Protein backbone atom coordinates (compact mmCIF):
# COMPACT_ATOMS: atom_id res chain seq x y z
CA UNK A 1 -14.01 3.84 -18.51
CA UNK A 2 -11.01 2.90 -15.92
CA UNK A 3 -7.40 3.99 -17.40
CA UNK A 4 -5.15 1.02 -16.98
CA UNK A 5 -2.01 3.67 -17.43
CA UNK A 6 -1.35 5.93 -14.10
CA UNK A 7 1.02 7.00 -12.49
CA UNK A 8 0.37 4.42 -9.55
CA UNK A 9 0.44 0.98 -12.65
CA UNK A 10 3.83 2.73 -13.94
CA UNK A 11 5.79 3.41 -10.50
CA UNK A 12 4.75 -0.20 -9.89
CA UNK A 13 5.85 -1.49 -12.98
CA UNK A 14 9.73 0.83 -12.34
CA UNK A 15 10.26 -1.00 -8.76
CA UNK A 16 8.63 -4.32 -9.94
CA UNK A 17 11.62 -4.01 -12.71
CA UNK A 18 14.61 -2.57 -10.28
CA UNK A 19 13.70 -5.83 -8.05
CA UNK A 20 14.55 -8.06 -10.88
CA UNK A 21 17.27 -6.21 -12.09
CA UNK A 22 18.79 -6.46 -8.31
CA UNK A 23 17.59 -10.65 -8.36
CA UNK A 24 19.99 -10.94 -11.68
CA UNK A 25 23.11 -8.73 -11.00
CA UNK A 26 24.12 -9.26 -7.37
CA UNK A 27 26.33 -6.19 -7.39
CA UNK A 28 22.81 -3.86 -8.40
CA UNK A 29 21.89 -3.70 -4.79
CA UNK A 30 25.76 -2.59 -3.47
CA UNK A 31 25.94 0.16 -5.98
CA UNK A 32 22.30 1.67 -5.52
CA UNK A 33 21.26 1.26 -1.59
CA UNK A 34 20.82 4.21 0.52
CA UNK A 35 24.24 4.51 2.69
CA UNK A 36 24.73 6.54 5.45
CA UNK A 37 24.59 11.02 4.70
CA UNK A 38 28.57 10.56 5.65
CA UNK A 39 29.76 8.14 3.37
CA UNK A 40 26.80 9.99 0.80
CA UNK A 41 28.57 12.90 1.59
CA UNK A 42 32.35 11.13 0.65
CA UNK A 43 31.08 9.53 -1.93
CA UNK A 44 28.58 12.40 -3.74
CA UNK A 45 26.28 9.46 -4.66
CA UNK A 46 23.18 11.54 -4.11
CA UNK A 47 21.54 8.82 -6.25
CA UNK A 48 21.25 6.91 -4.02
CA UNK A 49 18.83 8.70 -2.38
CA UNK A 50 16.06 7.93 -5.40
CA UNK A 51 17.18 4.46 -6.01
CA UNK A 52 16.62 3.25 -3.25
CA UNK A 53 12.67 2.67 -4.08
CA UNK A 54 14.01 -0.23 -6.47
CA UNK A 55 15.57 -2.45 -3.66
CA UNK A 56 13.77 -5.23 -2.05
CA UNK A 57 15.17 -7.94 0.60
CA UNK A 58 16.18 -11.24 -1.37
CA UNK A 59 16.41 -12.93 1.46
CA UNK A 60 12.26 -14.92 1.37
CA UNK A 61 11.90 -17.71 -0.94
CA UNK A 62 8.46 -15.50 -1.64
CA UNK A 63 9.51 -11.41 -2.19
CA UNK A 64 6.98 -10.47 0.89
CA UNK A 65 9.11 -6.56 1.44
CA UNK A 66 8.60 -6.13 -2.35
CA UNK A 67 4.93 -7.50 -2.51
CA UNK A 68 3.40 -5.82 0.78
CA UNK A 69 5.27 -2.57 -0.53
CA UNK A 70 3.56 -3.38 -3.80
CA UNK A 71 0.12 -3.63 -2.48
CA UNK A 72 0.29 -0.69 -0.51
CA UNK A 73 1.44 1.63 -3.58
CA UNK A 74 -1.45 0.09 -5.38
CA UNK A 75 -4.07 0.78 -2.35
CA UNK A 76 -2.83 3.98 -1.53
CA UNK A 77 -1.69 5.74 -4.99
CA UNK A 78 -4.93 4.36 -6.92
CA UNK A 79 -7.29 6.46 -4.37
CA UNK A 80 -4.52 9.55 -4.17
CA UNK A 81 -4.70 9.57 -7.85
CA UNK A 82 -8.58 9.71 -8.24
CA UNK A 83 -7.90 13.00 -6.32
CA UNK A 84 -4.70 15.09 -7.12
CA UNK A 85 -3.51 12.92 -11.07
CA UNK A 86 -0.73 10.95 -11.67
CA UNK A 87 1.46 14.26 -12.02
CA UNK A 88 0.39 15.23 -8.55
CA UNK A 89 0.78 12.00 -7.35
CA UNK A 90 4.55 11.41 -8.89
CA UNK A 91 5.50 14.78 -7.33
CA UNK A 92 4.10 13.56 -3.61
CA UNK A 93 5.58 9.88 -4.48
CA UNK A 94 9.01 11.81 -4.54
CA UNK A 95 9.17 14.13 -2.95
CA UNK A 96 8.18 11.58 0.12
CA UNK A 97 10.86 8.97 -1.68
CA UNK A 98 13.53 12.37 -0.70
CA UNK A 99 12.47 13.24 2.48
CA UNK A 100 12.53 10.08 3.52
CA UNK A 101 15.63 8.93 2.20
CA UNK A 102 17.41 12.08 4.08
CA UNK A 103 15.85 11.62 7.27
CA UNK A 104 16.48 7.70 6.52
CA UNK A 105 20.58 8.57 5.32
CA UNK A 106 20.85 10.90 8.57
CA UNK A 107 20.26 8.33 10.84
CA UNK A 108 22.21 5.39 9.48
CA UNK A 109 25.50 4.97 11.28
CA UNK A 110 28.68 4.92 9.38
CA UNK A 111 28.05 1.86 7.83
CA UNK A 112 24.56 0.89 7.88
CA UNK A 113 22.30 0.76 4.46
CA UNK A 114 18.45 0.51 3.67
CA UNK A 115 16.54 -0.27 0.93
CA UNK A 116 13.36 -0.45 -0.16
CA UNK A 117 10.42 2.07 -1.48
CA UNK A 118 7.92 2.13 2.02
CA UNK A 119 9.61 5.92 3.27
CA UNK A 120 7.47 6.72 0.30
CA UNK A 121 4.99 4.94 0.08
CA UNK A 122 4.21 5.98 3.90
CA UNK A 123 4.64 9.78 2.83
CA UNK A 124 1.24 8.81 0.06
CA UNK A 125 -0.69 8.00 3.66
CA UNK A 126 0.82 11.46 4.94
CA UNK A 127 -1.30 13.13 1.17
CA UNK A 128 -4.11 10.66 1.59
CA UNK A 129 -4.77 11.78 4.87
CA UNK A 130 -4.14 15.06 3.70
CA UNK A 131 -6.53 14.92 1.23
CA UNK A 132 -8.86 12.72 2.69
CA UNK A 133 -9.27 16.13 5.73
CA UNK A 134 -9.36 18.41 2.93
CA UNK A 135 -12.21 16.57 1.29
CA UNK A 136 -14.63 16.28 4.56
CA UNK A 137 -13.01 12.62 4.46
CA UNK A 138 -13.04 10.83 8.13
CA UNK A 139 -9.67 9.62 7.86
CA UNK A 140 -9.43 8.02 11.57
CA UNK A 141 -9.26 4.48 9.21
CA UNK A 142 -6.53 6.33 7.77
CA UNK A 143 -4.41 7.34 11.38
CA UNK A 144 -5.38 3.23 12.21
CA UNK A 145 -3.33 2.08 9.81
CA UNK A 146 -0.76 4.35 9.87
CA UNK A 147 -0.27 3.41 13.61
CA UNK A 148 -0.39 0.30 12.65
CA UNK A 149 2.38 0.34 10.33
CA UNK A 150 4.21 2.34 13.04
CA UNK A 151 4.31 -0.27 15.49
CA UNK A 152 5.05 -3.03 12.68
CA UNK A 153 8.17 -0.94 12.02
CA UNK A 154 9.17 -0.91 15.90
CA UNK A 155 8.32 -4.84 16.33
CA UNK A 156 9.96 -6.06 13.41
CA UNK A 157 14.04 -5.82 13.02
CA UNK A 158 16.28 -4.28 10.54
CA UNK A 159 12.38 -1.81 9.20
CA UNK A 160 14.02 1.50 9.15
CA UNK A 161 11.34 3.46 10.82
CA UNK A 162 12.83 6.85 10.16
CA UNK A 163 12.33 6.91 6.71
CA UNK A 164 8.65 5.89 6.61
CA UNK A 165 8.67 9.09 8.69
CA UNK A 166 10.25 10.88 7.03
CA UNK A 167 7.63 9.58 4.19
CA UNK A 168 5.16 10.37 6.35
CA UNK A 169 5.57 13.76 6.83
CA UNK A 170 7.06 14.65 3.42
CA UNK A 171 3.91 13.28 1.95
CA UNK A 172 1.82 15.24 4.38
CA UNK A 173 3.71 18.42 3.69
CA UNK A 174 3.25 17.83 0.02
CA UNK A 175 -0.31 16.82 -0.54
CA UNK A 176 -1.00 19.84 1.41
CA UNK A 177 1.48 22.17 -0.05
CA UNK A 178 -0.01 21.05 -3.74
CA UNK A 179 -3.79 21.58 -2.04
CA UNK A 180 -3.00 25.17 -0.93
CA UNK A 181 -1.19 25.87 -4.57
CA UNK A 182 -4.76 24.77 -6.41
CA UNK A 183 -6.71 27.13 -4.55
């Protein structure tokens, strides 16, 4: 029987709740979006490295940014959770969020900001590739989807590919460390 109370569903619920608060409170994004590393150091608001995942683009009638991220989180998270379990999935997501946000903050201009969960989601791509390889699964399709997403990210303006790259590296590293620890 499928457990409906998964870590993946919990992450989706938390992120969607953050988006709802963002829609209801116009200051929420301003107070929790990721800023450049210089601003983070100056203001000591390091929590923004994690709260960035609660925010998504609200400029469309339909929340496209949120919908695409939650669809990817649902697909990747559920698959990964089968292999590593809920606690390790949360660890991979959190570490990917951290590395994605740090890569982004290090490259943002002094007045730049970033929002979204895609850095952490790219981490799930990286982790799924590592886990798939470990289990003898052909990962060519995973690598193709990663490549397509990077191409799309470079062609659409305002996409923070630094967060994607940082998250991808963080997710692959976290999965590798968790798999080694498991032996």
